[in-house]
Amino acid sequence: MKEVKAIIRPFLLSKVVEALRQIEGLPGLTVDRDVRGFGRSPLGKDRDKIVDDLVEYIPKAKLEIVVPDELAEKVVTTIQQNARTGNPGDGKIFVINVDEVVKIRTGQRGEQAL
């Protein structure tokens, strides 16, 4: 199993989620609309930046999706295609190995818990 984490521009979140919903077998996803961060690119005059404790951040949205290995590349491609503007600050996608998943309600483990 893989966890796909994506940090994207908030205004593209709905577009990305709608595209992901079209993937057959996608077990679900978690979204956080209110994350912030910064990257290597200078923040410039971005009107959406947030200053907190004298550090400037840019608002972002985060998606977290755990999928069977065979769906991971499709999820990554879908996010990239729908979150890309071609400008600095489009975000990042991380793919992480997941050793185990446990469904709290039933105790199911592994892919059955997805």
PDB file of N, CA and C in Angstrom:
ATOM      1  N   MET A   1       0.837  -1.180   0.000  1.00  0.00           N
ATOM      2  CA  MET A   1       0.000   0.000   0.000  1.00  0.00           C
ATOM      3  C   MET A   1       0.878   1.238   0.000  1.00  0.00           C
ATOM      4  N   LYS A   2       0.320   2.318  -0.517  1.00  0.00           N
ATOM      5  CA  LYS A   2       1.035   3.592  -0.585  1.00  0.00           C
ATOM      6  C   LYS A   2       0.149   4.694  -0.015  1.00  0.00           C
ATOM      7  N   GLU A   3       0.790   5.650   0.634  1.00  0.00           N
ATOM      8  CA  GLU A   3       0.110   6.880   1.008  1.00  0.00           C
ATOM      9  C   GLU A   3       0.577   7.953   0.048  1.00  0.00           C
ATOM     10  N   VAL A   4      -0.362   8.613  -0.588  1.00  0.00           N
ATOM     11  CA  VAL A   4      -0.053   9.731  -1.467  1.00  0.00           C
ATOM     12  C   VAL A   4      -0.475  10.985  -0.723  1.00  0.00           C
ATOM     13  N   LYS A   5       0.500  11.854  -0.453  1.00  0.00           N
ATOM     14  CA  LYS A   5       0.231  13.147   0.180  1.00  0.00           C
ATOM     15  C   LYS A   5       0.508  14.218  -0.851  1.00  0.00           C
ATOM     16  N   ALA A   6      -0.381  15.164  -0.949  1.00  0.00           N
ATOM     17  CA  ALA A   6      -0.184  16.255  -1.900  1.00  0.00           C
ATOM     18  C   ALA A   6      -0.453  17.582  -1.208  1.00  0.00           C
ATOM     19  N   ILE A   7       0.434  18.529  -1.459  1.00  0.00           N
ATOM     20  CA  ILE A   7       0.257  19.909  -1.013  1.00  0.00           C
ATOM     21  C   ILE A   7      -0.016  20.704  -2.279  1.00  0.00           C
ATOM     22  N   ILE A   8      -1.194  21.315  -2.355  1.00  0.00           N
ATOM     23  CA  ILE A   8      -1.603  21.988  -3.590  1.00  0.00           C
ATOM     24  C   ILE A   8      -2.161  23.378  -3.285  1.00  0.00           C
ATOM     25  N   ARG A   9      -2.423  24.128  -4.345  1.00  0.00           N
ATOM     26  CA  ARG A   9      -3.061  25.436  -4.203  1.00  0.00           C
ATOM     27  C   ARG A   9      -4.521  25.231  -3.776  1.00  0.00           C
ATOM     28  N   PRO A  10      -4.973  25.985  -2.768  1.00  0.00           N
ATOM     29  CA  PRO A  10      -6.340  25.784  -2.264  1.00  0.00           C
ATOM     30  C   PRO A  10      -7.428  25.969  -3.315  1.00  0.00           C
ATOM     31  N   PHE A  11      -7.242  26.894  -4.244  1.00  0.00           N
ATOM     32  CA  PHE A  11      -8.303  27.144  -5.220  1.00  0.00           C
ATOM     33  C   PHE A  11      -8.466  25.995  -6.220  1.00  0.00           C
ATOM     34  N   LEU A  12      -7.518  25.059  -6.243  1.00  0.00           N
ATOM     35  CA  LEU A  12      -7.618  23.900  -7.137  1.00  0.00           C
ATOM     36  C   LEU A  12      -8.112  22.639  -6.422  1.00  0.00           C
ATOM     37  N   LEU A  13      -8.379  22.747  -5.134  1.00  0.00           N
ATOM     38  CA  LEU A  13      -8.756  21.567  -4.349  1.00  0.00           C
ATOM     39  C   LEU A  13     -10.004  20.876  -4.899  1.00  0.00           C
ATOM     40  N   SER A  14     -11.057  21.611  -5.163  1.00  0.00           N
ATOM     41  CA  SER A  14     -12.293  20.992  -5.663  1.00  0.00           C
ATOM     42  C   SER A  14     -12.071  20.286  -6.991  1.00  0.00           C
ATOM     43  N   LYS A  15     -11.317  20.913  -7.872  1.00  0.00           N
ATOM     44  CA  LYS A  15     -11.022  20.313  -9.177  1.00  0.00           C
ATOM     45  C   LYS A  15     -10.267  18.995  -9.007  1.00  0.00           C
ATOM     46  N   VAL A  16      -9.272  18.998  -8.131  1.00  0.00           N
ATOM     47  CA  VAL A  16      -8.466  17.797  -7.902  1.00  0.00           C
ATOM     48  C   VAL A  16      -9.319  16.690  -7.280  1.00  0.00           C
ATOM     49  N   VAL A  17     -10.114  17.035  -6.270  1.00  0.00           N
ATOM     50  CA  VAL A  17     -10.946  16.025  -5.606  1.00  0.00           C
ATOM     51  C   VAL A  17     -11.954  15.430  -6.586  1.00  0.00           C
ATOM     52  N   GLU A  18     -12.569  16.256  -7.405  1.00  0.00           N
ATOM     53  CA  GLU A  18     -13.526  15.735  -8.395  1.00  0.00           C
ATOM     54  C   GLU A  18     -12.849  14.767  -9.364  1.00  0.00           C
ATOM     55  N   ALA A  19     -11.645  15.089  -9.791  1.00  0.00           N
ATOM     56  CA  ALA A  19     -10.905  14.193 -10.690  1.00  0.00           C
ATOM     57  C   ALA A  19     -10.555  12.883  -9.980  1.00  0.00           C
ATOM     58  N   LEU A  20     -10.149  12.963  -8.723  1.00  0.00           N
ATOM     59  CA  LEU A  20      -9.812  11.756  -7.964  1.00  0.00           C
ATOM     60  C   LEU A  20     -11.038  10.863  -7.763  1.00  0.00           C
ATOM     61  N   ARG A  21     -12.193  11.469  -7.581  1.00  0.00           N
ATOM     62  CA  ARG A  21     -13.426  10.688  -7.376  1.00  0.00           C
ATOM     63  C   ARG A  21     -13.762   9.824  -8.585  1.00  0.00           C
ATOM     64  N   GLN A  22     -13.206  10.147  -9.725  1.00  0.00           N
ATOM     65  CA  GLN A  22     -13.469   9.383 -10.947  1.00  0.00           C
ATOM     66  C   GLN A  22     -12.614   8.117 -11.042  1.00  0.00           C
ATOM     67  N   ILE A  23     -11.634   7.980 -10.154  1.00  0.00           N
ATOM     68  CA  ILE A  23     -10.758   6.802 -10.183  1.00  0.00           C
ATOM     69  C   ILE A  23     -11.490   5.616  -9.559  1.00  0.00           C
ATOM     70  N   GLU A  24     -11.720   4.596 -10.358  1.00  0.00           N
ATOM     71  CA  GLU A  24     -12.407   3.404  -9.864  1.00  0.00           C
ATOM     72  C   GLU A  24     -11.547   2.708  -8.818  1.00  0.00           C
ATOM     73  N   GLY A  25     -12.155   2.385  -7.687  1.00  0.00           N
ATOM     74  CA  GLY A  25     -11.447   1.687  -6.626  1.00  0.00           C
ATOM     75  C   GLY A  25     -10.788   2.593  -5.604  1.00  0.00           C
ATOM     76  N   LEU A  26     -10.864   3.910  -5.798  1.00  0.00           N
ATOM     77  CA  LEU A  26     -10.278   4.825  -4.811  1.00  0.00           C
ATOM     78  C   LEU A  26     -11.038   4.668  -3.496  1.00  0.00           C
ATOM     79  N   PRO A  27     -10.350   4.307  -2.406  1.00  0.00           N
ATOM     80  CA  PRO A  27     -11.050   4.015  -1.163  1.00  0.00           C
ATOM     81  C   PRO A  27     -11.540   5.246  -0.403  1.00  0.00           C
ATOM     82  N   GLY A  28     -11.066   6.417  -0.738  1.00  0.00           N
ATOM     83  CA  GLY A  28     -11.432   7.639  -0.030  1.00  0.00           C
ATOM     84  C   GLY A  28     -10.212   8.519   0.127  1.00  0.00           C
ATOM     85  N   LEU A  29     -10.404   9.662   0.756  1.00  0.00           N
ATOM     86  CA  LEU A  29      -9.278  10.563   0.973  1.00  0.00           C
ATOM     87  C   LEU A  29      -9.570  11.477   2.143  1.00  0.00           C
ATOM     88  N   THR A  30      -8.532  12.108   2.642  1.00  0.00           N
ATOM     89  CA  THR A  30      -8.637  13.088   3.713  1.00  0.00           C
ATOM     90  C   THR A  30      -8.112  14.407   3.183  1.00  0.00           C
ATOM     91  N   VAL A  31      -8.807  15.489   3.530  1.00  0.00           N
ATOM     92  CA  VAL A  31      -8.443  16.819   3.045  1.00  0.00           C
ATOM     93  C   VAL A  31      -8.279  17.756   4.230  1.00  0.00           C
ATOM     94  N   ASP A  32      -7.268  18.588   4.170  1.00  0.00           N
ATOM     95  CA  ASP A  32      -7.110  19.697   5.115  1.00  0.00           C
ATOM     96  C   ASP A  32      -7.000  20.960   4.278  1.00  0.00           C
ATOM     97  N   ARG A  33      -7.991  21.818   4.360  1.00  0.00           N
ATOM     98  CA  ARG A  33      -8.032  23.033   3.551  1.00  0.00           C
ATOM     99  C   ARG A  33      -7.162  24.149   4.118  1.00  0.00           C
ATOM    100  N   ASP A  34      -6.671  23.990   5.328  1.00  0.00           N
ATOM    101  CA  ASP A  34      -6.005  25.111   5.989  1.00  0.00           C
ATOM    102  C   ASP A  34      -4.609  24.743   6.477  1.00  0.00           C
ATOM    103  N   VAL A  35      -3.707  24.491   5.550  1.00  0.00           N
ATOM    104  CA  VAL A  35      -2.306  24.307   5.911  1.00  0.00           C
ATOM    105  C   VAL A  35      -1.527  25.464   5.310  1.00  0.00           C
ATOM    106  N   ARG A  36      -0.348  25.698   5.803  1.00  0.00           N
ATOM    107  CA  ARG A  36       0.489  26.762   5.247  1.00  0.00           C
ATOM    108  C   ARG A  36       1.933  26.326   5.242  1.00  0.00           C
ATOM    109  N   GLY A  37       2.683  26.930   4.359  1.00  0.00           N
ATOM    110  CA  GLY A  37       4.086  26.578   4.270  1.00  0.00           C
ATOM    111  C   GLY A  37       4.830  27.519   3.347  1.00  0.00           C
ATOM    112  N   PHE A  38       6.077  27.174   3.102  1.00  0.00           N
ATOM    113  CA  PHE A  38       6.879  27.922   2.144  1.00  0.00           C
ATOM    114  C   PHE A  38       7.857  26.964   1.509  1.00  0.00           C
ATOM    115  N   GLY A  39       8.315  27.315   0.331  1.00  0.00           N
ATOM    116  CA  GLY A  39       9.283  26.496  -0.386  1.00  0.00           C
ATOM    117  C   GLY A  39      10.517  27.303  -0.705  1.00  0.00           C
ATOM    118  N   ARG A  40      11.282  26.831  -1.669  1.00  0.00           N
ATOM    119  CA  ARG A  40      12.516  27.511  -2.054  1.00  0.00           C
ATOM    120  C   ARG A  40      12.270  28.775  -2.855  1.00  0.00           C
ATOM    121  N   SER A  41      11.154  28.806  -3.582  1.00  0.00           N
ATOM    122  CA  SER A  41      10.867  29.989  -4.394  1.00  0.00           C
ATOM    123  C   SER A  41      10.581  31.177  -3.485  1.00  0.00           C
ATOM    124  N   PRO A  42      11.076  32.363  -3.852  1.00  0.00           N
ATOM    125  CA  PRO A  42      10.776  33.536  -3.036  1.00  0.00           C
ATOM    126  C   PRO A  42       9.272  33.799  -3.028  1.00  0.00           C
ATOM    127  N   LEU A  43       8.766  34.295  -1.908  1.00  0.00           N
ATOM    128  CA  LEU A  43       7.338  34.539  -1.783  1.00  0.00           C
ATOM    129  C   LEU A  43       6.871  35.720  -2.621  1.00  0.00           C
ATOM    130  N   GLY A  44       7.761  36.631  -2.924  1.00  0.00           N
ATOM    131  CA  GLY A  44       7.405  37.761  -3.774  1.00  0.00           C
ATOM    132  C   GLY A  44       6.271  38.577  -3.198  1.00  0.00           C
ATOM    133  N   LYS A  45       5.400  39.041  -4.062  1.00  0.00           N
ATOM    134  CA  LYS A  45       4.301  39.897  -3.643  1.00  0.00           C
ATOM    135  C   LYS A  45       2.987  39.122  -3.597  1.00  0.00           C
ATOM    136  N   ASP A  46       3.053  37.859  -3.288  1.00  0.00           N
ATOM    137  CA  ASP A  46       1.852  37.021  -3.240  1.00  0.00           C
ATOM    138  C   ASP A  46       0.856  37.617  -2.255  1.00  0.00           C
ATOM    139  N   ARG A  47      -0.303  37.988  -2.754  1.00  0.00           N
ATOM    140  CA  ARG A  47      -1.287  38.659  -1.907  1.00  0.00           C
ATOM    141  C   ARG A  47      -1.905  37.727  -0.876  1.00  0.00           C
ATOM    142  N   ASP A  48      -1.749  36.422  -1.055  1.00  0.00           N
ATOM    143  CA  ASP A  48      -2.351  35.469  -0.128  1.00  0.00           C
ATOM    144  C   ASP A  48      -1.417  35.052   1.005  1.00  0.00           C
ATOM    145  N   LYS A  49      -0.205  35.593   1.033  1.00  0.00           N
ATOM    146  CA  LYS A  49       0.728  35.137   2.064  1.00  0.00           C
ATOM    147  C   LYS A  49       0.242  35.540   3.454  1.00  0.00           C
ATOM    148  N   ILE A  50       0.634  34.760   4.435  1.00  0.00           N
ATOM    149  CA  ILE A  50       0.252  34.960   5.829  1.00  0.00           C
ATOM    150  C   ILE A  50       1.528  35.174   6.622  1.00  0.00           C
ATOM    151  N   VAL A  51       1.541  36.202   7.462  1.00  0.00           N
ATOM    152  CA  VAL A  51       2.696  36.442   8.318  1.00  0.00           C
ATOM    153  C   VAL A  51       2.326  35.979   9.721  1.00  0.00           C
ATOM    154  N   ASP A  52       3.119  35.066  10.260  1.00  0.00           N
ATOM    155  CA  ASP A  52       2.881  34.518  11.587  1.00  0.00           C
ATOM    156  C   ASP A  52       4.225  34.470  12.297  1.00  0.00           C
ATOM    157  N   ASP A  53       4.341  35.164  13.408  1.00  0.00           N
ATOM    158  CA  ASP A  53       5.610  35.226  14.143  1.00  0.00           C
ATOM    159  C   ASP A  53       6.758  35.651  13.237  1.00  0.00           C
ATOM    160  N   LEU A  54       6.508  36.627  12.398  1.00  0.00           N
ATOM    161  CA  LEU A  54       7.494  37.220  11.499  1.00  0.00           C
ATOM    162  C   LEU A  54       7.977  36.276  10.400  1.00  0.00           C
ATOM    163  N   VAL A  55       7.298  35.161  10.216  1.00  0.00           N
ATOM    164  CA  VAL A  55       7.617  34.248   9.126  1.00  0.00           C
ATOM    165  C   VAL A  55       6.462  34.301   8.131  1.00  0.00           C
ATOM    166  N   GLU A  56       6.788  34.399   6.842  1.00  0.00           N
ATOM    167  CA  GLU A  56       5.749  34.462   5.818  1.00  0.00           C
ATOM    168  C   GLU A  56       5.435  33.058   5.299  1.00  0.00           C
ATOM    169  N   TYR A  57       4.158  32.753   5.235  1.00  0.00           N
ATOM    170  CA  TYR A  57       3.690  31.464   4.737  1.00  0.00           C
ATOM    171  C   TYR A  57       2.694  31.690   3.605  1.00  0.00           C
ATOM    172  N   ILE A  58       2.540  30.678   2.782  1.00  0.00           N
ATOM    173  CA  ILE A  58       1.543  30.690   1.721  1.00  0.00           C
ATOM    174  C   ILE A  58       0.469  29.655   2.074  1.00  0.00           C
ATOM    175  N   PRO A  59      -0.813  30.018   1.981  1.00  0.00           N
ATOM    176  CA  PRO A  59      -1.876  29.042   2.248  1.00  0.00           C
ATOM    177  C   PRO A  59      -1.844  27.909   1.219  1.00  0.00           C
ATOM    178  N   LYS A  60      -2.041  26.710   1.692  1.00  0.00           N
ATOM    179  CA  LYS A  60      -2.077  25.520   0.838  1.00  0.00           C
ATOM    180  C   LYS A  60      -3.194  24.603   1.315  1.00  0.00           C
ATOM    181  N   ALA A  61      -3.505  23.597   0.521  1.00  0.00           N
ATOM    182  CA  ALA A  61      -4.420  22.529   0.914  1.00  0.00           C
ATOM    183  C   ALA A  61      -3.633  21.222   0.865  1.00  0.00           C
ATOM    184  N   LYS A  62      -4.006  20.286   1.732  1.00  0.00           N
ATOM    185  CA  LYS A  62      -3.302  19.004   1.777  1.00  0.00           C
ATOM    186  C   LYS A  62      -4.297  17.867   1.573  1.00  0.00           C
ATOM    187  N   LEU A  63      -3.911  16.924   0.727  1.00  0.00           N
ATOM    188  CA  LEU A  63      -4.681  15.699   0.499  1.00  0.00           C
ATOM    189  C   LEU A  63      -3.853  14.525   0.995  1.00  0.00           C
ATOM    190  N   GLU A  64      -4.508  13.569   1.637  1.00  0.00           N
ATOM    191  CA  GLU A  64      -3.857  12.333   2.064  1.00  0.00           C
ATOM    192  C   GLU A  64      -4.728  11.169   1.604  1.00  0.00           C
ATOM    193  N   ILE A  65      -4.107  10.250   0.865  1.00  0.00           N
ATOM    194  CA  ILE A  65      -4.852   9.144   0.272  1.00  0.00           C
ATOM    195  C   ILE A  65      -4.021   7.875   0.423  1.00  0.00           C
ATOM    196  N   VAL A  66      -4.587   6.835   1.017  1.00  0.00           N
ATOM    197  CA  VAL A  66      -3.908   5.543   1.099  1.00  0.00           C
ATOM    198  C   VAL A  66      -4.593   4.611   0.107  1.00  0.00           C
ATOM    199  N   VAL A  67      -3.783   4.033  -0.770  1.00  0.00           N
ATOM    200  CA  VAL A  67      -4.318   3.210  -1.858  1.00  0.00           C
ATOM    201  C   VAL A  67      -3.495   1.933  -2.016  1.00  0.00           C
ATOM    202  N   PRO A  68      -4.090   0.912  -2.648  1.00  0.00           N
ATOM    203  CA  PRO A  68      -3.288  -0.250  -3.030  1.00  0.00           C
ATOM    204  C   PRO A  68      -2.181   0.202  -3.993  1.00  0.00           C
ATOM    205  N   ASP A  69      -1.076  -0.508  -4.002  1.00  0.00           N
ATOM    206  CA  ASP A  69       0.073  -0.132  -4.836  1.00  0.00           C
ATOM    207  C   ASP A  69      -0.310   0.152  -6.282  1.00  0.00           C
ATOM    208  N   GLU A  70      -1.215  -0.654  -6.833  1.00  0.00           N
ATOM    209  CA  GLU A  70      -1.534  -0.511  -8.256  1.00  0.00           C
ATOM    210  C   GLU A  70      -2.288   0.780  -8.589  1.00  0.00           C
ATOM    211  N   LEU A  71      -2.841   1.469  -7.599  1.00  0.00           N
ATOM    212  CA  LEU A  71      -3.540   2.736  -7.860  1.00  0.00           C
ATOM    213  C   LEU A  71      -2.662   3.967  -7.643  1.00  0.00           C
ATOM    214  N   ALA A  72      -1.516   3.792  -7.025  1.00  0.00           N
ATOM    215  CA  ALA A  72      -0.700   4.945  -6.628  1.00  0.00           C
ATOM    216  C   ALA A  72      -0.318   5.837  -7.805  1.00  0.00           C
ATOM    217  N   GLU A  73       0.156   5.274  -8.883  1.00  0.00           N
ATOM    218  CA  GLU A  73       0.596   6.094 -10.019  1.00  0.00           C
ATOM    219  C   GLU A  73      -0.572   6.842 -10.649  1.00  0.00           C
ATOM    220  N   LYS A  74      -1.730   6.205 -10.728  1.00  0.00           N
ATOM    221  CA  LYS A  74      -2.927   6.865 -11.273  1.00  0.00           C
ATOM    222  C   LYS A  74      -3.320   8.060 -10.397  1.00  0.00           C
ATOM    223  N   VAL A  75      -3.241   7.896  -9.090  1.00  0.00           N
ATOM    224  CA  VAL A  75      -3.557   8.991  -8.163  1.00  0.00           C
ATOM    225  C   VAL A  75      -2.566  10.134  -8.342  1.00  0.00           C
ATOM    226  N   VAL A  76      -1.284   9.818  -8.411  1.00  0.00           N
ATOM    227  CA  VAL A  76      -0.252  10.847  -8.595  1.00  0.00           C
ATOM    228  C   VAL A  76      -0.475  11.602  -9.902  1.00  0.00           C
ATOM    229  N   THR A  77      -0.696  10.881 -10.975  1.00  0.00           N
ATOM    230  CA  THR A  77      -0.904  11.508 -12.284  1.00  0.00           C
ATOM    231  C   THR A  77      -2.140  12.401 -12.280  1.00  0.00           C
ATOM    232  N   THR A  78      -3.205  11.930 -11.666  1.00  0.00           N
ATOM    233  CA  THR A  78      -4.443  12.709 -11.606  1.00  0.00           C
ATOM    234  C   THR A  78      -4.237  14.000 -10.827  1.00  0.00           C
ATOM    235  N   ILE A  79      -3.558  13.919  -9.699  1.00  0.00           N
ATOM    236  CA  ILE A  79      -3.291  15.129  -8.918  1.00  0.00           C
ATOM    237  C   ILE A  79      -2.432  16.087  -9.725  1.00  0.00           C
ATOM    238  N   GLN A  80      -1.354  15.584 -10.297  1.00  0.00           N
ATOM    239  CA  GLN A  80      -0.440  16.448 -11.045  1.00  0.00           C
ATOM    240  C   GLN A  80      -1.158  17.139 -12.203  1.00  0.00           C
ATOM    241  N   GLN A  81      -1.955  16.412 -12.944  1.00  0.00           N
ATOM    242  CA  GLN A  81      -2.643  16.993 -14.101  1.00  0.00           C
ATOM    243  C   GLN A  81      -3.651  18.067 -13.699  1.00  0.00           C
ATOM    244  N   ASN A  82      -4.278  17.900 -12.545  1.00  0.00           N
ATOM    245  CA  ASN A  82      -5.343  18.819 -12.144  1.00  0.00           C
ATOM    246  C   ASN A  82      -4.895  19.921 -11.195  1.00  0.00           C
ATOM    247  N   ALA A  83      -3.693  19.812 -10.643  1.00  0.00           N
ATOM    248  CA  ALA A  83      -3.204  20.830  -9.710  1.00  0.00           C
ATOM    249  C   ALA A  83      -2.130  21.717 -10.329  1.00  0.00           C
ATOM    250  N   ARG A  84      -1.742  21.443 -11.544  1.00  0.00           N
ATOM    251  CA  ARG A  84      -0.629  22.160 -12.173  1.00  0.00           C
ATOM    252  C   ARG A  84      -1.098  23.448 -12.839  1.00  0.00           C
ATOM    253  N   THR A  85      -0.453  24.563 -12.463  1.00  0.00           N
ATOM    254  CA  THR A  85      -0.658  25.834 -13.168  1.00  0.00           C
ATOM    255  C   THR A  85       0.558  26.187 -14.005  1.00  0.00           C
ATOM    256  N   GLY A  86       1.698  25.544 -13.698  1.00  0.00           N
ATOM    257  CA  GLY A  86       2.941  25.859 -14.392  1.00  0.00           C
ATOM    258  C   GLY A  86       3.729  26.969 -13.730  1.00  0.00           C
ATOM    259  N   ASN A  87       3.233  27.463 -12.613  1.00  0.00           N
ATOM    260  CA  ASN A  87       3.908  28.547 -11.897  1.00  0.00           C
ATOM    261  C   ASN A  87       4.555  28.026 -10.624  1.00  0.00           C
ATOM    262  N   PRO A  88       5.586  28.734 -10.131  1.00  0.00           N
ATOM    263  CA  PRO A  88       6.177  28.334  -8.854  1.00  0.00           C
ATOM    264  C   PRO A  88       5.100  28.309  -7.768  1.00  0.00           C
ATOM    265  N   GLY A  89       5.184  27.316  -6.894  1.00  0.00           N
ATOM    266  CA  GLY A  89       4.215  27.213  -5.809  1.00  0.00           C
ATOM    267  C   GLY A  89       3.070  26.256  -6.086  1.00  0.00           C
ATOM    268  N   ASP A  90       3.151  25.500  -7.190  1.00  0.00           N
ATOM    269  CA  ASP A  90       2.084  24.536  -7.490  1.00  0.00           C
ATOM    270  C   ASP A  90       1.990  23.441  -6.435  1.00  0.00           C
ATOM    271  N   GLY A  91       3.076  23.155  -5.737  1.00  0.00           N
ATOM    272  CA  GLY A  91       3.028  22.184  -4.653  1.00  0.00           C
ATOM    273  C   GLY A  91       3.899  20.972  -4.889  1.00  0.00           C
ATOM    274  N   LYS A  92       3.661  19.953  -4.082  1.00  0.00           N
ATOM    275  CA  LYS A  92       4.449  18.722  -4.121  1.00  0.00           C
ATOM    276  C   LYS A  92       3.527  17.530  -3.890  1.00  0.00           C
ATOM    277  N   ILE A  93       3.970  16.377  -4.392  1.00  0.00           N
ATOM    278  CA  ILE A  93       3.294  15.103  -4.142  1.00  0.00           C
ATOM    279  C   ILE A  93       4.332  14.155  -3.545  1.00  0.00           C
ATOM    280  N   PHE A  94       3.966  13.503  -2.453  1.00  0.00           N
ATOM    281  CA  PHE A  94       4.850  12.550  -1.788  1.00  0.00           C
ATOM    282  C   PHE A  94       4.186  11.176  -1.833  1.00  0.00           C
ATOM    283  N   VAL A  95       4.967  10.140  -2.117  1.00  0.00           N
ATOM    284  CA  VAL A  95       4.459   8.769  -2.122  1.00  0.00           C
ATOM    285  C   VAL A  95       5.252   7.995  -1.074  1.00  0.00           C
ATOM    286  N   ILE A  96       4.529   7.440  -0.104  1.00  0.00           N
ATOM    287  CA  ILE A  96       5.152   6.818   1.062  1.00  0.00           C
ATOM    288  C   ILE A  96       4.636   5.386   1.196  1.00  0.00           C
ATOM    289  N   ASN A  97       5.524   4.455   1.494  1.00  0.00           N
ATOM    290  CA  ASN A  97       5.100   3.075   1.753  1.00  0.00           C
ATOM    291  C   ASN A  97       4.300   3.012   3.050  1.00  0.00           C
ATOM    292  N   VAL A  98       3.232   2.230   3.036  1.00  0.00           N
ATOM    293  CA  VAL A  98       2.402   2.022   4.225  1.00  0.00           C
ATOM    294  C   VAL A  98       2.497   0.549   4.593  1.00  0.00           C
ATOM    295  N   ASP A  99       2.965   0.274   5.792  1.00  0.00           N
ATOM    296  CA  ASP A  99       3.128  -1.108   6.241  1.00  0.00           C
ATOM    297  C   ASP A  99       1.816  -1.744   6.673  1.00  0.00           C
ATOM    298  N   GLU A 100       0.952  -0.962   7.295  1.00  0.00           N
ATOM    299  CA  GLU A 100      -0.266  -1.536   7.866  1.00  0.00           C
ATOM    300  C   GLU A 100      -1.346  -0.475   7.976  1.00  0.00           C
ATOM    301  N   VAL A 101      -2.581  -0.912   7.823  1.00  0.00           N
ATOM    302  CA  VAL A 101      -3.758  -0.080   8.060  1.00  0.00           C
ATOM    303  C   VAL A 101      -4.685  -0.899   8.944  1.00  0.00           C
ATOM    304  N   VAL A 102      -5.258  -0.269   9.955  1.00  0.00           N
ATOM    305  CA  VAL A 102      -6.225  -0.930  10.827  1.00  0.00           C
ATOM    306  C   VAL A 102      -7.490  -0.086  10.850  1.00  0.00           C
ATOM    307  N   LYS A 103      -8.610  -0.690  10.510  1.00  0.00           N
ATOM    308  CA  LYS A 103      -9.893   0.006  10.577  1.00  0.00           C
ATOM    309  C   LYS A 103     -10.351  -0.024  12.029  1.00  0.00           C
ATOM    310  N   ILE A 104     -10.508   1.133  12.618  1.00  0.00           N
ATOM    311  CA  ILE A 104     -10.803   1.223  14.047  1.00  0.00           C
ATOM    312  C   ILE A 104     -12.100   0.508  14.408  1.00  0.00           C
ATOM    313  N   ARG A 105     -13.152   0.714  13.640  1.00  0.00           N
ATOM    314  CA  ARG A 105     -14.466   0.154  13.977  1.00  0.00           C
ATOM    315  C   ARG A 105     -14.480  -1.367  13.963  1.00  0.00           C
ATOM    316  N   THR A 106     -13.864  -1.978  12.946  1.00  0.00           N
ATOM    317  CA  THR A 106     -13.985  -3.435  12.772  1.00  0.00           C
ATOM    318  C   THR A 106     -12.728  -4.220  13.135  1.00  0.00           C
ATOM    319  N   GLY A 107     -11.604  -3.542  13.205  1.00  0.00           N
ATOM    320  CA  GLY A 107     -10.352  -4.240  13.456  1.00  0.00           C
ATOM    321  C   GLY A 107      -9.738  -4.849  12.207  1.00  0.00           C
ATOM    322  N   GLN A 108     -10.394  -4.682  11.043  1.00  0.00           N
ATOM    323  CA  GLN A 108      -9.826  -5.202   9.793  1.00  0.00           C
ATOM    324  C   GLN A 108      -8.446  -4.599   9.576  1.00  0.00           C
ATOM    325  N   ARG A 109      -7.600  -5.371   8.902  1.00  0.00           N
ATOM    326  CA  ARG A 109      -6.234  -4.925   8.640  1.00  0.00           C
ATOM    327  C   ARG A 109      -5.903  -5.042   7.164  1.00  0.00           C
ATOM    328  N   GLY A 110      -4.865  -4.303   6.765  1.00  0.00           N
ATOM    329  CA  GLY A 110      -4.386  -4.365   5.390  1.00  0.00           C
ATOM    330  C   GLY A 110      -5.337  -3.671   4.431  1.00  0.00           C
ATOM    331  N   GLU A 111      -5.288  -4.103   3.167  1.00  0.00           N
ATOM    332  CA  GLU A 111      -6.108  -3.461   2.136  1.00  0.00           C
ATOM    333  C   GLU A 111      -7.601  -3.561   2.429  1.00  0.00           C
ATOM    334  N   GLN A 112      -8.028  -4.596   3.163  1.00  0.00           N
ATOM    335  CA  GLN A 112      -9.446  -4.719   3.512  1.00  0.00           C
ATOM    336  C   GLN A 112      -9.891  -3.568   4.418  1.00  0.00           C
ATOM    337  N   ALA A 113      -8.955  -2.950   5.116  1.00  0.00           N
ATOM    338  CA  ALA A 113      -9.284  -1.834   6.007  1.00  0.00           C
ATOM    339  C   ALA A 113      -9.457  -0.524   5.255  1.00  0.00           C
ATOM    340  N   LEU A 114      -9.026  -0.508   3.988  1.00  0.00           N
ATOM    341  CA  LEU A 114      -9.181   0.716   3.211  1.00  0.00           C
ATOM    342  C   LEU A 114     -10.639   0.887   2.851  1.00  0.00           C
TER     343      LEU A 114
END
